[in-house]
């Protein structure tokens, strides 16, 4: 289960990077969000009233730093760190 959740988080990081790059180019792309957050919280057993989407998206946005997260391994590490932080909640 953990590996599937981390895979979804990695996908969100990559999609967030793509969407924000397109937005900077003035291409409207927010409708391309995958909505993985709800699935992730559900798989983790987090009740709807305890889901902190603001925190989740802030954590995901860290991946936009392409100089820091410039390899799949570094994105994987970030996804695992986000997973660990979500477990706390």
C-alpha atoms as a PDB file:
ATOM      1  CA  UNK A   1       0.000   0.000   0.000  1.00  0.00           C
ATOM      2  CA  UNK A   2       2.798   2.403   0.936  1.00  0.00           C
ATOM      3  CA  UNK A   3       4.467   2.036  -2.461  1.00  0.00           C
ATOM      4  CA  UNK A   4       1.181   2.818  -4.249  1.00  0.00           C
ATOM      5  CA  UNK A   5       0.652   5.934  -2.145  1.00  0.00           C
ATOM      6  CA  UNK A   6       4.203   7.102  -2.819  1.00  0.00           C
ATOM      7  CA  UNK A   7       3.661   6.520  -6.541  1.00  0.00           C
ATOM      8  CA  UNK A   8       0.548   8.726  -6.420  1.00  0.00           C
ATOM      9  CA  UNK A   9       2.467  11.421  -4.537  1.00  0.00           C
ATOM     10  CA  UNK A  10       5.242  11.289  -7.154  1.00  0.00           C
ATOM     11  CA  UNK A  11       2.646  11.700  -9.888  1.00  0.00           C
ATOM     12  CA  UNK A  12       1.218  14.730  -8.085  1.00  0.00           C
ATOM     13  CA  UNK A  13       4.691  16.269  -7.816  1.00  0.00           C
ATOM     14  CA  UNK A  14       5.283  15.823 -11.543  1.00  0.00           C
ATOM     15  CA  UNK A  15       1.831  17.099 -12.537  1.00  0.00           C
ATOM     16  CA  UNK A  16       2.230  20.096 -10.207  1.00  0.00           C
ATOM     17  CA  UNK A  17       5.532  20.947 -11.891  1.00  0.00           C
ATOM     18  CA  UNK A  18       3.965  20.671 -15.327  1.00  0.00           C
ATOM     19  CA  UNK A  19       0.861  22.701 -14.453  1.00  0.00           C
ATOM     20  CA  UNK A  20       2.863  25.483 -12.829  1.00  0.00           C
ATOM     21  CA  UNK A  21       5.283  25.649 -15.758  1.00  0.00           C
ATOM     22  CA  UNK A  22       2.359  25.949 -18.162  1.00  0.00           C
ATOM     23  CA  UNK A  23       0.775  28.633 -15.975  1.00  0.00           C
ATOM     24  CA  UNK A  24       4.014  30.635 -16.056  1.00  0.00           C
ATOM     25  CA  UNK A  25       3.786  30.422 -19.842  1.00  0.00           C
ATOM     26  CA  UNK A  26       0.229  31.777 -19.516  1.00  0.00           C
ATOM     27  CA  UNK A  27      -1.391  28.501 -20.526  1.00  0.00           C
ATOM     28  CA  UNK A  28      -4.354  27.674 -18.311  1.00  0.00           C
ATOM     29  CA  UNK A  29      -3.720  24.183 -17.002  1.00  0.00           C
ATOM     30  CA  UNK A  30      -5.207  23.879 -13.499  1.00  0.00           C
ATOM     31  CA  UNK A  31      -7.984  21.669 -14.835  1.00  0.00           C
ATOM     32  CA  UNK A  32      -5.378  18.944 -15.374  1.00  0.00           C
ATOM     33  CA  UNK A  33      -4.961  18.228 -11.696  1.00  0.00           C
ATOM     34  CA  UNK A  34      -5.310  14.501 -11.055  1.00  0.00           C
ATOM     35  CA  UNK A  35      -7.091  14.798  -7.724  1.00  0.00           C
ATOM     36  CA  UNK A  36      -4.849  12.171  -6.183  1.00  0.00           C
ATOM     37  CA  UNK A  37      -4.995  13.808  -2.776  1.00  0.00           C
ATOM     38  CA  UNK A  38      -8.428  12.367  -1.990  1.00  0.00           C
ATOM     39  CA  UNK A  39      -7.309   8.883  -3.007  1.00  0.00           C
ATOM     40  CA  UNK A  40      -4.111   9.200  -0.986  1.00  0.00           C
ATOM     41  CA  UNK A  41      -5.915  10.307   2.155  1.00  0.00           C
ATOM     42  CA  UNK A  42      -8.495   7.558   1.674  1.00  0.00           C
ATOM     43  CA  UNK A  43      -5.816   4.874   1.283  1.00  0.00           C
ATOM     44  CA  UNK A  44      -4.139   6.192   4.415  1.00  0.00           C
ATOM     45  CA  UNK A  45      -7.427   6.002   6.322  1.00  0.00           C
ATOM     46  CA  UNK A  46      -7.614   9.730   7.009  1.00  0.00           C
ATOM     47  CA  UNK A  47     -11.237  10.802   7.646  1.00  0.00           C
ATOM     48  CA  UNK A  48     -12.545  13.537   5.331  1.00  0.00           C
ATOM     49  CA  UNK A  49     -12.813  16.077   8.151  1.00  0.00           C
ATOM     50  CA  UNK A  50      -9.137  15.572   9.037  1.00  0.00           C
ATOM     51  CA  UNK A  51      -7.718  15.866   5.519  1.00  0.00           C
ATOM     52  CA  UNK A  52      -5.401  18.856   5.292  1.00  0.00           C
ATOM     53  CA  UNK A  53      -5.303  19.658   1.582  1.00  0.00           C
ATOM     54  CA  UNK A  54      -3.496  22.964   2.102  1.00  0.00           C
ATOM     55  CA  UNK A  55      -0.618  21.173   3.805  1.00  0.00           C
ATOM     56  CA  UNK A  56      -0.582  18.451   1.146  1.00  0.00           C
ATOM     57  CA  UNK A  57      -0.356  20.944  -1.722  1.00  0.00           C
ATOM     58  CA  UNK A  58       2.345  22.947   0.065  1.00  0.00           C
ATOM     59  CA  UNK A  59       4.371  19.774   0.464  1.00  0.00           C
ATOM     60  CA  UNK A  60       3.838  18.850  -3.191  1.00  0.00           C
ATOM     61  CA  UNK A  61       4.910  22.327  -4.338  1.00  0.00           C
ATOM     62  CA  UNK A  62       8.366  21.711  -2.868  1.00  0.00           C
ATOM     63  CA  UNK A  63       8.985  19.530  -5.918  1.00  0.00           C
ATOM     64  CA  UNK A  64       8.805  22.550  -8.196  1.00  0.00           C
ATOM     65  CA  UNK A  65      12.409  23.316  -7.303  1.00  0.00           C
ATOM     66  CA  UNK A  66      13.942  21.622 -10.351  1.00  0.00           C
ATOM     67  CA  UNK A  67      17.485  22.367  -9.192  1.00  0.00           C
ATOM     68  CA  UNK A  68      16.926  20.502  -5.923  1.00  0.00           C
ATOM     69  CA  UNK A  69      14.667  17.730  -7.282  1.00  0.00           C
ATOM     70  CA  UNK A  70      16.315  17.141 -10.629  1.00  0.00           C
ATOM     71  CA  UNK A  71      16.293  13.328 -10.723  1.00  0.00           C
ATOM     72  CA  UNK A  72      13.695  10.608 -10.273  1.00  0.00           C
ATOM     73  CA  UNK A  73      15.549   9.473  -7.159  1.00  0.00           C
ATOM     74  CA  UNK A  74      15.250  12.908  -5.551  1.00  0.00           C
ATOM     75  CA  UNK A  75      11.568  13.103  -6.454  1.00  0.00           C
ATOM     76  CA  UNK A  76      11.144   9.647  -4.891  1.00  0.00           C
ATOM     77  CA  UNK A  77      12.866  10.862  -1.719  1.00  0.00           C
ATOM     78  CA  UNK A  78      10.566  13.888  -1.571  1.00  0.00           C
ATOM     79  CA  UNK A  79       7.499  11.684  -2.086  1.00  0.00           C
ATOM     80  CA  UNK A  80       8.621   9.425   0.765  1.00  0.00           C
ATOM     81  CA  UNK A  81       9.188  12.448   3.005  1.00  0.00           C
ATOM     82  CA  UNK A  82       5.712  13.763   2.183  1.00  0.00           C
ATOM     83  CA  UNK A  83       4.287  10.321   2.983  1.00  0.00           C
ATOM     84  CA  UNK A  84       6.026  10.374   6.387  1.00  0.00           C
ATOM     85  CA  UNK A  85       4.689  13.854   7.128  1.00  0.00           C
ATOM     86  CA  UNK A  86       1.155  12.818   6.214  1.00  0.00           C
ATOM     87  CA  UNK A  87       1.305   9.838   8.572  1.00  0.00           C
ATOM     88  CA  UNK A  88       1.730  12.261  11.481  1.00  0.00           C
ATOM     89  CA  UNK A  89      -1.713  13.702  10.787  1.00  0.00           C
END
